[in-house]
Amino acid sequence: MNEKNEYELDGTSLTVHLPAEVDHPVSDSVRKLSDRIMGRNYIRTMIFDFKGTCFMDSSGIGLLMGRYRALGMKKGCVKAVNVNGHIHRILQLSGVHRYIEIQRNQEEGEE
């Protein structure tokens, strides 16, 4: 993943734009780059943008929970936005929804 295109820093908020597939290599890359950014900047909130993501395996769940722990396990410190139905179901079944805020796609929210 390219740090310039995939990451947006806005004050104390870091947005990570995830690729189409979030598997072990991608999760590892995101973890390393976000750790580097968090080492240089004070981050209170991480937002994972799933807009273009159609596949996520268990390493993606580990990534989200790891960032939740790294940010102090506070309510609202990690958010998943633009989540499609498939990813939303994975997050619900895994129990991640109890710890992080999940926002579905705008068009799916209309249903």
PDB file of N, CA and C in Angstrom:
ATOM      1  N   MET A   1       0.841  -1.192   0.000  1.00  0.00           N
ATOM      2  CA  MET A   1       0.000   0.000   0.000  1.00  0.00           C
ATOM      3  C   MET A   1       0.873   1.238   0.000  1.00  0.00           C
ATOM      4  N   ASN A   2       0.436   2.244  -0.699  1.00  0.00           N
ATOM      5  CA  ASN A   2       1.165   3.492  -0.814  1.00  0.00           C
ATOM      6  C   ASN A   2       0.683   4.465   0.255  1.00  0.00           C
ATOM      7  N   GLU A   3       1.591   4.907   1.095  1.00  0.00           N
ATOM      8  CA  GLU A   3       1.244   5.769   2.224  1.00  0.00           C
ATOM      9  C   GLU A   3       0.580   7.065   1.781  1.00  0.00           C
ATOM     10  N   LYS A   4       1.017   7.643   0.669  1.00  0.00           N
ATOM     11  CA  LYS A   4       0.475   8.932   0.236  1.00  0.00           C
ATOM     12  C   LYS A   4      -0.985   8.833  -0.224  1.00  0.00           C
ATOM     13  N   ASN A   5      -1.342   7.781  -0.934  1.00  0.00           N
ATOM     14  CA  ASN A   5      -2.686   7.663  -1.486  1.00  0.00           C
ATOM     15  C   ASN A   5      -3.662   6.964  -0.552  1.00  0.00           C
ATOM     16  N   GLU A   6      -3.181   6.091   0.299  1.00  0.00           N
ATOM     17  CA  GLU A   6      -4.057   5.243   1.094  1.00  0.00           C
ATOM     18  C   GLU A   6      -4.337   5.787   2.482  1.00  0.00           C
ATOM     19  N   TYR A   7      -3.570   6.764   2.919  1.00  0.00           N
ATOM     20  CA  TYR A   7      -3.697   7.294   4.270  1.00  0.00           C
ATOM     21  C   TYR A   7      -3.956   8.791   4.228  1.00  0.00           C
ATOM     22  N   GLU A   8      -4.898   9.253   5.052  1.00  0.00           N
ATOM     23  CA  GLU A   8      -5.173  10.684   5.172  1.00  0.00           C
ATOM     24  C   GLU A   8      -5.116  11.068   6.632  1.00  0.00           C
ATOM     25  N   LEU A   9      -4.309  12.048   6.935  1.00  0.00           N
ATOM     26  CA  LEU A   9      -4.178  12.538   8.292  1.00  0.00           C
ATOM     27  C   LEU A   9      -4.912  13.866   8.399  1.00  0.00           C
ATOM     28  N   ASP A  10      -5.862  13.953   9.321  1.00  0.00           N
ATOM     29  CA  ASP A  10      -6.635  15.171   9.523  1.00  0.00           C
ATOM     30  C   ASP A  10      -6.674  15.450  11.020  1.00  0.00           C
ATOM     31  N   GLY A  11      -5.757  16.289  11.480  1.00  0.00           N
ATOM     32  CA  GLY A  11      -5.658  16.556  12.914  1.00  0.00           C
ATOM     33  C   GLY A  11      -5.210  15.304  13.647  1.00  0.00           C
ATOM     34  N   THR A  12      -6.066  14.817  14.555  1.00  0.00           N
ATOM     35  CA  THR A  12      -5.737  13.603  15.317  1.00  0.00           C
ATOM     36  C   THR A  12      -6.459  12.381  14.759  1.00  0.00           C
ATOM     37  N   SER A  13      -6.982  12.509  13.553  1.00  0.00           N
ATOM     38  CA  SER A  13      -7.717  11.415  12.918  1.00  0.00           C
ATOM     39  C   SER A  13      -6.938  10.892  11.706  1.00  0.00           C
ATOM     40  N   LEU A  14      -6.810   9.572  11.630  1.00  0.00           N
ATOM     41  CA  LEU A  14      -6.119   8.928  10.508  1.00  0.00           C
ATOM     42  C   LEU A  14      -7.119   8.065   9.760  1.00  0.00           C
ATOM     43  N   THR A  15      -7.292   8.334   8.460  1.00  0.00           N
ATOM     44  CA  THR A  15      -8.180   7.541   7.616  1.00  0.00           C
ATOM     45  C   THR A  15      -7.337   6.616   6.751  1.00  0.00           C
ATOM     46  N   VAL A  16      -7.708   5.338   6.747  1.00  0.00           N
ATOM     47  CA  VAL A  16      -7.021   4.330   5.939  1.00  0.00           C
ATOM     48  C   VAL A  16      -8.005   3.850   4.877  1.00  0.00           C
ATOM     49  N   HIS A  17      -7.677   4.087   3.596  1.00  0.00           N
ATOM     50  CA  HIS A  17      -8.505   3.614   2.486  1.00  0.00           C
ATOM     51  C   HIS A  17      -8.019   2.219   2.116  1.00  0.00           C
ATOM     52  N   LEU A  18      -8.850   1.235   2.400  1.00  0.00           N
ATOM     53  CA  LEU A  18      -8.457  -0.158   2.188  1.00  0.00           C
ATOM     54  C   LEU A  18      -8.647  -0.588   0.731  1.00  0.00           C
ATOM     55  N   PRO A  19      -7.826  -1.530   0.254  1.00  0.00           N
ATOM     56  CA  PRO A  19      -7.943  -2.016  -1.127  1.00  0.00           C
ATOM     57  C   PRO A  19      -9.112  -2.994  -1.274  1.00  0.00           C
ATOM     58  N   ALA A  20      -9.288  -3.550  -2.462  1.00  0.00           N
ATOM     59  CA  ALA A  20     -10.395  -4.466  -2.761  1.00  0.00           C
ATOM     60  C   ALA A  20     -10.352  -5.724  -1.907  1.00  0.00           C
ATOM     61  N   GLU A  21      -9.158  -6.213  -1.606  1.00  0.00           N
ATOM     62  CA  GLU A  21      -9.025  -7.426  -0.800  1.00  0.00           C
ATOM     63  C   GLU A  21      -8.152  -7.144   0.414  1.00  0.00           C
ATOM     64  N   VAL A  22      -8.689  -7.461   1.576  1.00  0.00           N
ATOM     65  CA  VAL A  22      -7.942  -7.295   2.824  1.00  0.00           C
ATOM     66  C   VAL A  22      -7.616  -8.699   3.338  1.00  0.00           C
ATOM     67  N   ASP A  23      -6.377  -9.113   3.050  1.00  0.00           N
ATOM     68  CA  ASP A  23      -5.911 -10.429   3.477  1.00  0.00           C
ATOM     69  C   ASP A  23      -4.678 -10.236   4.361  1.00  0.00           C
ATOM     70  N   HIS A  24      -3.983 -11.315   4.671  1.00  0.00           N
ATOM     71  CA  HIS A  24      -2.859 -11.236   5.606  1.00  0.00           C
ATOM     72  C   HIS A  24      -1.764 -10.254   5.169  1.00  0.00           C
ATOM     73  N   PRO A  25      -1.269 -10.308   3.920  1.00  0.00           N
ATOM     74  CA  PRO A  25      -0.217  -9.355   3.523  1.00  0.00           C
ATOM     75  C   PRO A  25      -0.680  -7.896   3.607  1.00  0.00           C
ATOM     76  N   VAL A  26      -1.913  -7.628   3.208  1.00  0.00           N
ATOM     77  CA  VAL A  26      -2.438  -6.252   3.265  1.00  0.00           C
ATOM     78  C   VAL A  26      -2.566  -5.814   4.722  1.00  0.00           C
ATOM     79  N   SER A  27      -3.117  -6.681   5.565  1.00  0.00           N
ATOM     80  CA  SER A  27      -3.285  -6.350   6.981  1.00  0.00           C
ATOM     81  C   SER A  27      -1.944  -6.045   7.635  1.00  0.00           C
ATOM     82  N   ASP A  28      -0.935  -6.834   7.309  1.00  0.00           N
ATOM     83  CA  ASP A  28       0.400  -6.628   7.864  1.00  0.00           C
ATOM     84  C   ASP A  28       0.976  -5.286   7.404  1.00  0.00           C
ATOM     85  N   SER A  29       0.800  -4.969   6.137  1.00  0.00           N
ATOM     86  CA  SER A  29       1.280  -3.702   5.586  1.00  0.00           C
ATOM     87  C   SER A  29       0.576  -2.511   6.244  1.00  0.00           C
ATOM     88  N   VAL A  30      -0.744  -2.602   6.377  1.00  0.00           N
ATOM     89  CA  VAL A  30      -1.504  -1.513   7.007  1.00  0.00           C
ATOM     90  C   VAL A  30      -1.065  -1.339   8.455  1.00  0.00           C
ATOM     91  N   ARG A  31      -0.874  -2.435   9.156  1.00  0.00           N
ATOM     92  CA  ARG A  31      -0.445  -2.366  10.557  1.00  0.00           C
ATOM     93  C   ARG A  31       0.904  -1.658  10.675  1.00  0.00           C
ATOM     94  N   LYS A  32       1.863  -2.050   9.836  1.00  0.00           N
ATOM     95  CA  LYS A  32       3.199  -1.454   9.903  1.00  0.00           C
ATOM     96  C   LYS A  32       3.174   0.032   9.565  1.00  0.00           C
ATOM     97  N   LEU A  33       2.476   0.392   8.483  1.00  0.00           N
ATOM     98  CA  LEU A  33       2.428   1.801   8.090  1.00  0.00           C
ATOM     99  C   LEU A  33       1.661   2.641   9.103  1.00  0.00           C
ATOM    100  N   SER A  34       0.567   2.118   9.637  1.00  0.00           N
ATOM    101  CA  SER A  34      -0.188   2.891  10.626  1.00  0.00           C
ATOM    102  C   SER A  34       0.617   3.043  11.916  1.00  0.00           C
ATOM    103  N   ASP A  35       1.377   2.011  12.300  1.00  0.00           N
ATOM    104  CA  ASP A  35       2.259   2.131  13.472  1.00  0.00           C
ATOM    105  C   ASP A  35       3.287   3.233  13.251  1.00  0.00           C
ATOM    106  N   ARG A  36       3.836   3.296  12.050  1.00  0.00           N
ATOM    107  CA  ARG A  36       4.822   4.323  11.728  1.00  0.00           C
ATOM    108  C   ARG A  36       4.194   5.714  11.821  1.00  0.00           C
ATOM    109  N   ILE A  37       2.995   5.860  11.262  1.00  0.00           N
ATOM    110  CA  ILE A  37       2.304   7.153  11.311  1.00  0.00           C
ATOM    111  C   ILE A  37       1.955   7.514  12.750  1.00  0.00           C
ATOM    112  N   MET A  38       1.488   6.531  13.530  1.00  0.00           N
ATOM    113  CA  MET A  38       1.141   6.786  14.926  1.00  0.00           C
ATOM    114  C   MET A  38       2.373   7.130  15.759  1.00  0.00           C
ATOM    115  N   GLY A  39       3.527   6.649  15.357  1.00  0.00           N
ATOM    116  CA  GLY A  39       4.776   6.983  16.041  1.00  0.00           C
ATOM    117  C   GLY A  39       5.207   8.418  15.802  1.00  0.00           C
ATOM    118  N   ARG A  40       4.795   8.993  14.665  1.00  0.00           N
ATOM    119  CA  ARG A  40       5.172  10.358  14.316  1.00  0.00           C
ATOM    120  C   ARG A  40       4.107  11.385  14.670  1.00  0.00           C
ATOM    121  N   ASN A  41       2.848  10.927  14.834  1.00  0.00           N
ATOM    122  CA  ASN A  41       1.729  11.845  15.058  1.00  0.00           C
ATOM    123  C   ASN A  41       0.855  11.339  16.200  1.00  0.00           C
ATOM    124  N   TYR A  42       0.192  12.276  16.871  1.00  0.00           N
ATOM    125  CA  TYR A  42      -0.762  11.897  17.906  1.00  0.00           C
ATOM    126  C   TYR A  42      -2.083  11.555  17.218  1.00  0.00           C
ATOM    127  N   ILE A  43      -2.491  10.302  17.314  1.00  0.00           N
ATOM    128  CA  ILE A  43      -3.721   9.833  16.670  1.00  0.00           C
ATOM    129  C   ILE A  43      -4.717   9.421  17.755  1.00  0.00           C
ATOM    130  N   ARG A  44      -5.924   9.979  17.681  1.00  0.00           N
ATOM    131  CA  ARG A  44      -6.997   9.613  18.617  1.00  0.00           C
ATOM    132  C   ARG A  44      -8.025   8.705  17.958  1.00  0.00           C
ATOM    133  N   THR A  45      -8.199   8.856  16.634  1.00  0.00           N
ATOM    134  CA  THR A  45      -9.221   8.099  15.917  1.00  0.00           C
ATOM    135  C   THR A  45      -8.645   7.540  14.622  1.00  0.00           C
ATOM    136  N   MET A  46      -8.925   6.254  14.367  1.00  0.00           N
ATOM    137  CA  MET A  46      -8.570   5.650  13.083  1.00  0.00           C
ATOM    138  C   MET A  46      -9.852   5.269  12.379  1.00  0.00           C
ATOM    139  N   ILE A  47      -9.960   5.690  11.134  1.00  0.00           N
ATOM    140  CA  ILE A  47     -11.129   5.398  10.316  1.00  0.00           C
ATOM    141  C   ILE A  47     -10.681   4.498   9.175  1.00  0.00           C
ATOM    142  N   PHE A  48     -11.283   3.323   9.098  1.00  0.00           N
ATOM    143  CA  PHE A  48     -10.993   2.386   8.014  1.00  0.00           C
ATOM    144  C   PHE A  48     -12.103   2.525   6.983  1.00  0.00           C
ATOM    145  N   ASP A  49     -11.740   2.971   5.773  1.00  0.00           N
ATOM    146  CA  ASP A  49     -12.706   3.171   4.694  1.00  0.00           C
ATOM    147  C   ASP A  49     -12.733   1.920   3.816  1.00  0.00           C
ATOM    148  N   PHE A  50     -13.866   1.211   3.865  1.00  0.00           N
ATOM    149  CA  PHE A  50     -14.046  -0.037   3.128  1.00  0.00           C
ATOM    150  C   PHE A  50     -14.742   0.183   1.786  1.00  0.00           C
ATOM    151  N   LYS A  51     -14.735   1.409   1.270  1.00  0.00           N
ATOM    152  CA  LYS A  51     -15.509   1.729   0.066  1.00  0.00           C
ATOM    153  C   LYS A  51     -15.251   0.783  -1.100  1.00  0.00           C
ATOM    154  N   GLY A  52     -14.020   0.463  -1.383  1.00  0.00           N
ATOM    155  CA  GLY A  52     -13.710  -0.401  -2.518  1.00  0.00           C
ATOM    156  C   GLY A  52     -13.435  -1.846  -2.129  1.00  0.00           C
ATOM    157  N   THR A  53     -13.681  -2.198  -0.875  1.00  0.00           N
ATOM    158  CA  THR A  53     -13.334  -3.526  -0.380  1.00  0.00           C
ATOM    159  C   THR A  53     -14.472  -4.516  -0.583  1.00  0.00           C
ATOM    160  N   CYS A  54     -14.164  -5.647  -1.201  1.00  0.00           N
ATOM    161  CA  CYS A  54     -15.182  -6.686  -1.415  1.00  0.00           C
ATOM    162  C   CYS A  54     -14.825  -7.985  -0.706  1.00  0.00           C
ATOM    163  N   PHE A  55     -13.581  -8.114  -0.197  1.00  0.00           N
ATOM    164  CA  PHE A  55     -13.161  -9.336   0.498  1.00  0.00           C
ATOM    165  C   PHE A  55     -12.327  -8.981   1.717  1.00  0.00           C
ATOM    166  N   MET A  56     -12.609  -9.659   2.828  1.00  0.00           N
ATOM    167  CA  MET A  56     -11.796  -9.512   4.028  1.00  0.00           C
ATOM    168  C   MET A  56     -11.769 -10.855   4.743  1.00  0.00           C
ATOM    169  N   ASP A  57     -10.580 -11.283   5.157  1.00  0.00           N
ATOM    170  CA  ASP A  57     -10.490 -12.522   5.924  1.00  0.00           C
ATOM    171  C   ASP A  57     -10.245 -12.190   7.398  1.00  0.00           C
ATOM    172  N   SER A  58      -9.946 -13.190   8.195  1.00  0.00           N
ATOM    173  CA  SER A  58      -9.797 -12.998   9.637  1.00  0.00           C
ATOM    174  C   SER A  58      -8.640 -12.063   9.996  1.00  0.00           C
ATOM    175  N   SER A  59      -7.664 -11.937   9.122  1.00  0.00           N
ATOM    176  CA  SER A  59      -6.564 -11.013   9.419  1.00  0.00           C
ATOM    177  C   SER A  59      -7.054  -9.565   9.432  1.00  0.00           C
ATOM    178  N   GLY A  60      -8.107  -9.263   8.675  1.00  0.00           N
ATOM    179  CA  GLY A  60      -8.706  -7.931   8.704  1.00  0.00           C
ATOM    180  C   GLY A  60      -9.353  -7.638  10.046  1.00  0.00           C
ATOM    181  N   ILE A  61      -9.983  -8.647  10.616  1.00  0.00           N
ATOM    182  CA  ILE A  61     -10.576  -8.508  11.951  1.00  0.00           C
ATOM    183  C   ILE A  61      -9.464  -8.267  12.972  1.00  0.00           C
ATOM    184  N   GLY A  62      -8.377  -9.023  12.834  1.00  0.00           N
ATOM    185  CA  GLY A  62      -7.225  -8.831  13.716  1.00  0.00           C
ATOM    186  C   GLY A  62      -6.642  -7.435  13.585  1.00  0.00           C
ATOM    187  N   LEU A  63      -6.600  -6.925  12.363  1.00  0.00           N
ATOM    188  CA  LEU A  63      -6.099  -5.572  12.128  1.00  0.00           C
ATOM    189  C   LEU A  63      -6.946  -4.547  12.874  1.00  0.00           C
ATOM    190  N   LEU A  64      -8.268  -4.634  12.730  1.00  0.00           N
ATOM    191  CA  LEU A  64      -9.166  -3.685  13.395  1.00  0.00           C
ATOM    192  C   LEU A  64      -9.033  -3.758  14.918  1.00  0.00           C
ATOM    193  N   MET A  65      -9.016  -4.970  15.451  1.00  0.00           N
ATOM    194  CA  MET A  65      -8.912  -5.124  16.903  1.00  0.00           C
ATOM    195  C   MET A  65      -7.531  -4.699  17.418  1.00  0.00           C
ATOM    196  N   GLY A  66      -6.498  -4.934  16.624  1.00  0.00           N
ATOM    197  CA  GLY A  66      -5.154  -4.497  17.008  1.00  0.00           C
ATOM    198  C   GLY A  66      -5.044  -2.989  17.071  1.00  0.00           C
ATOM    199  N   ARG A  67      -5.667  -2.302  16.117  1.00  0.00           N
ATOM    200  CA  ARG A  67      -5.654  -0.832  16.135  1.00  0.00           C
ATOM    201  C   ARG A  67      -6.488  -0.316  17.309  1.00  0.00           C
ATOM    202  N   TYR A  68      -7.576  -1.011  17.617  1.00  0.00           N
ATOM    203  CA  TYR A  68      -8.412  -0.663  18.772  1.00  0.00           C
ATOM    204  C   TYR A  68      -7.579  -0.740  20.058  1.00  0.00           C
ATOM    205  N   ARG A  69      -6.800  -1.801  20.211  1.00  0.00           N
ATOM    206  CA  ARG A  69      -5.938  -1.942  21.378  1.00  0.00           C
ATOM    207  C   ARG A  69      -4.843  -0.881  21.381  1.00  0.00           C
ATOM    208  N   ALA A  70      -4.242  -0.630  20.221  1.00  0.00           N
ATOM    209  CA  ALA A  70      -3.148   0.340  20.122  1.00  0.00           C
ATOM    210  C   ALA A  70      -3.601   1.757  20.476  1.00  0.00           C
ATOM    211  N   LEU A  71      -4.868   2.051  20.251  1.00  0.00           N
ATOM    212  CA  LEU A  71      -5.394   3.396  20.543  1.00  0.00           C
ATOM    213  C   LEU A  71      -6.021   3.480  21.937  1.00  0.00           C
ATOM    214  N   GLY A  72      -5.818   2.496  22.756  1.00  0.00           N
ATOM    215  CA  GLY A  72      -6.249   2.584  24.140  1.00  0.00           C
ATOM    216  C   GLY A  72      -7.619   2.016  24.444  1.00  0.00           C
ATOM    217  N   MET A  73      -8.224   1.319  23.490  1.00  0.00           N
ATOM    218  CA  MET A  73      -9.502   0.640  23.691  1.00  0.00           C
ATOM    219  C   MET A  73     -10.610   1.580  24.183  1.00  0.00           C
ATOM    220  N   LYS A  74     -10.666   2.778  23.604  1.00  0.00           N
ATOM    221  CA  LYS A  74     -11.715   3.735  23.946  1.00  0.00           C
ATOM    222  C   LYS A  74     -12.843   3.643  22.932  1.00  0.00           C
ATOM    223  N   LYS A  75     -14.052   3.859  23.382  1.00  0.00           N
ATOM    224  CA  LYS A  75     -15.220   3.849  22.491  1.00  0.00           C
ATOM    225  C   LYS A  75     -15.031   4.910  21.412  1.00  0.00           C
ATOM    226  N   GLY A  76     -15.249   4.533  20.170  1.00  0.00           N
ATOM    227  CA  GLY A  76     -15.157   5.484  19.061  1.00  0.00           C
ATOM    228  C   GLY A  76     -13.757   5.739  18.546  1.00  0.00           C
ATOM    229  N   CYS A  77     -12.731   5.046  19.071  1.00  0.00           N
ATOM    230  CA  CYS A  77     -11.366   5.310  18.598  1.00  0.00           C
ATOM    231  C   CYS A  77     -11.094   4.653  17.249  1.00  0.00           C
ATOM    232  N   VAL A  78     -11.866   3.605  16.894  1.00  0.00           N
ATOM    233  CA  VAL A  78     -11.735   2.953  15.596  1.00  0.00           C
ATOM    234  C   VAL A  78     -13.111   2.885  14.952  1.00  0.00           C
ATOM    235  N   LYS A  79     -13.171   3.298  13.678  1.00  0.00           N
ATOM    236  CA  LYS A  79     -14.427   3.280  12.939  1.00  0.00           C
ATOM    237  C   LYS A  79     -14.227   2.575  11.611  1.00  0.00           C
ATOM    238  N   ALA A  80     -15.244   1.865  11.172  1.00  0.00           N
ATOM    239  CA  ALA A  80     -15.256   1.244   9.848  1.00  0.00           C
ATOM    240  C   ALA A  80     -16.378   1.919   9.071  1.00  0.00           C
ATOM    241  N   VAL A  81     -16.052   2.568   7.954  1.00  0.00           N
ATOM    242  CA  VAL A  81     -17.047   3.302   7.180  1.00  0.00           C
ATOM    243  C   VAL A  81     -17.160   2.737   5.766  1.00  0.00           C
ATOM    244  N   ASN A  82     -18.279   3.016   5.125  1.00  0.00           N
ATOM    245  CA  ASN A  82     -18.561   2.539   3.766  1.00  0.00           C
ATOM    246  C   ASN A  82     -18.468   1.022   3.669  1.00  0.00           C
ATOM    247  N   VAL A  83     -19.000   0.360   4.691  1.00  0.00           N
ATOM    248  CA  VAL A  83     -18.947  -1.099   4.772  1.00  0.00           C
ATOM    249  C   VAL A  83     -20.089  -1.692   3.939  1.00  0.00           C
ATOM    250  N   ASN A  84     -19.771  -2.624   3.038  1.00  0.00           N
ATOM    251  CA  ASN A  84     -20.820  -3.276   2.246  1.00  0.00           C
ATOM    252  C   ASN A  84     -21.478  -4.385   3.068  1.00  0.00           C
ATOM    253  N   GLY A  85     -22.511  -4.993   2.536  1.00  0.00           N
ATOM    254  CA  GLY A  85     -23.270  -6.010   3.251  1.00  0.00           C
ATOM    255  C   GLY A  85     -22.440  -7.206   3.674  1.00  0.00           C
ATOM    256  N   HIS A  86     -21.553  -7.662   2.796  1.00  0.00           N
ATOM    257  CA  HIS A  86     -20.718  -8.833   3.088  1.00  0.00           C
ATOM    258  C   HIS A  86     -19.761  -8.553   4.253  1.00  0.00           C
ATOM    259  N   ILE A  87     -19.059  -7.439   4.176  1.00  0.00           N
ATOM    260  CA  ILE A  87     -18.107  -7.077   5.230  1.00  0.00           C
ATOM    261  C   ILE A  87     -18.864  -6.803   6.534  1.00  0.00           C
ATOM    262  N   HIS A  88     -20.024  -6.166   6.439  1.00  0.00           N
ATOM    263  CA  HIS A  88     -20.832  -5.876   7.625  1.00  0.00           C
ATOM    264  C   HIS A  88     -21.198  -7.174   8.347  1.00  0.00           C
ATOM    265  N   ARG A  89     -21.576  -8.173   7.577  1.00  0.00           N
ATOM    266  CA  ARG A  89     -21.939  -9.471   8.168  1.00  0.00           C
ATOM    267  C   ARG A  89     -20.737 -10.103   8.870  1.00  0.00           C
ATOM    268  N   ILE A  90     -19.563 -10.034   8.271  1.00  0.00           N
ATOM    269  CA  ILE A  90     -18.346 -10.567   8.891  1.00  0.00           C
ATOM    270  C   ILE A  90     -18.067  -9.856  10.212  1.00  0.00           C
ATOM    271  N   LEU A  91     -18.210  -8.541  10.219  1.00  0.00           N
ATOM    272  CA  LEU A  91     -17.953  -7.765  11.434  1.00  0.00           C
ATOM    273  C   LEU A  91     -18.981  -8.073  12.524  1.00  0.00           C
ATOM    274  N   GLN A  92     -20.219  -8.322  12.116  1.00  0.00           N
ATOM    275  CA  GLN A  92     -21.259  -8.682  13.087  1.00  0.00           C
ATOM    276  C   GLN A  92     -20.997 -10.072  13.669  1.00  0.00           C
ATOM    277  N   LEU A  93     -20.738 -11.049  12.801  1.00  0.00           N
ATOM    278  CA  LEU A  93     -20.525 -12.424  13.255  1.00  0.00           C
ATOM    279  C   LEU A  93     -19.289 -12.563  14.143  1.00  0.00           C
ATOM    280  N   SER A  94     -18.281 -11.761  13.876  1.00  0.00           N
ATOM    281  CA  SER A  94     -17.042 -11.840  14.650  1.00  0.00           C
ATOM    282  C   SER A  94     -17.151 -11.137  16.003  1.00  0.00           C
ATOM    283  N   GLY A  95     -18.163 -10.299  16.169  1.00  0.00           N
ATOM    284  CA  GLY A  95     -18.333  -9.561  17.420  1.00  0.00           C
ATOM    285  C   GLY A  95     -17.600  -8.236  17.458  1.00  0.00           C
ATOM    286  N   VAL A  96     -16.918  -7.881  16.374  1.00  0.00           N
ATOM    287  CA  VAL A  96     -16.163  -6.632  16.313  1.00  0.00           C
ATOM    288  C   VAL A  96     -17.083  -5.421  16.497  1.00  0.00           C
ATOM    289  N   HIS A  97     -18.322  -5.548  16.084  1.00  0.00           N
ATOM    290  CA  HIS A  97     -19.271  -4.426  16.178  1.00  0.00           C
ATOM    291  C   HIS A  97     -19.480  -3.948  17.614  1.00  0.00           C
ATOM    292  N   ARG A  98     -19.124  -4.762  18.589  1.00  0.00           N
ATOM    293  CA  ARG A  98     -19.263  -4.353  19.996  1.00  0.00           C
ATOM    294  C   ARG A  98     -18.178  -3.374  20.411  1.00  0.00           C
ATOM    295  N   TYR A  99     -17.100  -3.301  19.634  1.00  0.00           N
ATOM    296  CA  TYR A  99     -15.959  -2.481  20.013  1.00  0.00           C
ATOM    297  C   TYR A  99     -15.722  -1.294  19.093  1.00  0.00           C
ATOM    298  N   ILE A 100     -16.077  -1.448  17.831  1.00  0.00           N
ATOM    299  CA  ILE A 100     -15.837  -0.351  16.888  1.00  0.00           C
ATOM    300  C   ILE A 100     -17.147   0.093  16.248  1.00  0.00           C
ATOM    301  N   GLU A 101     -17.170   1.345  15.843  1.00  0.00           N
ATOM    302  CA  GLU A 101     -18.345   1.909  15.185  1.00  0.00           C
ATOM    303  C   GLU A 101     -18.332   1.495  13.715  1.00  0.00           C
ATOM    304  N   ILE A 102     -19.477   1.010  13.230  1.00  0.00           N
ATOM    305  CA  ILE A 102     -19.583   0.556  11.845  1.00  0.00           C
ATOM    306  C   ILE A 102     -20.643   1.373  11.127  1.00  0.00           C
ATOM    307  N   GLN A 103     -20.279   1.938   9.977  1.00  0.00           N
ATOM    308  CA  GLN A 103     -21.220   2.692   9.151  1.00  0.00           C
ATOM    309  C   GLN A 103     -21.303   2.021   7.790  1.00  0.00           C
ATOM    310  N   ARG A 104     -22.505   1.635   7.411  1.00  0.00           N
ATOM    311  CA  ARG A 104     -22.698   0.963   6.119  1.00  0.00           C
ATOM    312  C   ARG A 104     -22.657   1.962   4.978  1.00  0.00           C
ATOM    313  N   ASN A 105     -22.613   1.443   3.750  1.00  0.00           N
ATOM    314  CA  ASN A 105     -22.666   2.290   2.555  1.00  0.00           C
ATOM    315  C   ASN A 105     -23.898   3.173   2.605  1.00  0.00           C
ATOM    316  N   GLN A 106     -23.790   4.365   2.061  1.00  0.00           N
ATOM    317  CA  GLN A 106     -24.919   5.304   2.068  1.00  0.00           C
ATOM    318  C   GLN A 106     -26.121   4.723   1.343  1.00  0.00           C
ATOM    319  N   GLU A 107     -25.890   4.126   0.153  1.00  0.00           N
ATOM    320  CA  GLU A 107     -27.000   3.594  -0.622  1.00  0.00           C
ATOM    321  C   GLU A 107     -27.657   2.394   0.072  1.00  0.00           C
ATOM    322  N   GLU A 108     -26.866   1.630   0.838  1.00  0.00           N
ATOM    323  CA  GLU A 108     -27.440   0.493   1.562  1.00  0.00           C
ATOM    324  C   GLU A 108     -28.214   0.967   2.796  1.00  0.00           C
ATOM    325  N   GLY A 109     -27.842   2.128   3.332  1.00  0.00           N
ATOM    326  CA  GLY A 109     -28.547   2.664   4.484  1.00  0.00           C
ATOM    327  C   GLY A 109     -29.955   3.093   4.154  1.00  0.00           C
ATOM    328  N   GLU A 110     -30.233   3.304   2.879  1.00  0.00           N
ATOM    329  CA  GLU A 110     -31.560   3.742   2.439  1.00  0.00           C
ATOM    330  C   GLU A 110     -32.565   2.611   2.455  1.00  0.00           C
ATOM    331  N   GLU A 111     -32.087   1.360   2.425  1.00  0.00           N
ATOM    332  CA  GLU A 111     -32.987   0.208   2.334  1.00  0.00           C
ATOM    333  C   GLU A 111     -33.814   0.029   3.585  1.00  0.00           C
TER     334      GLU A 111
END
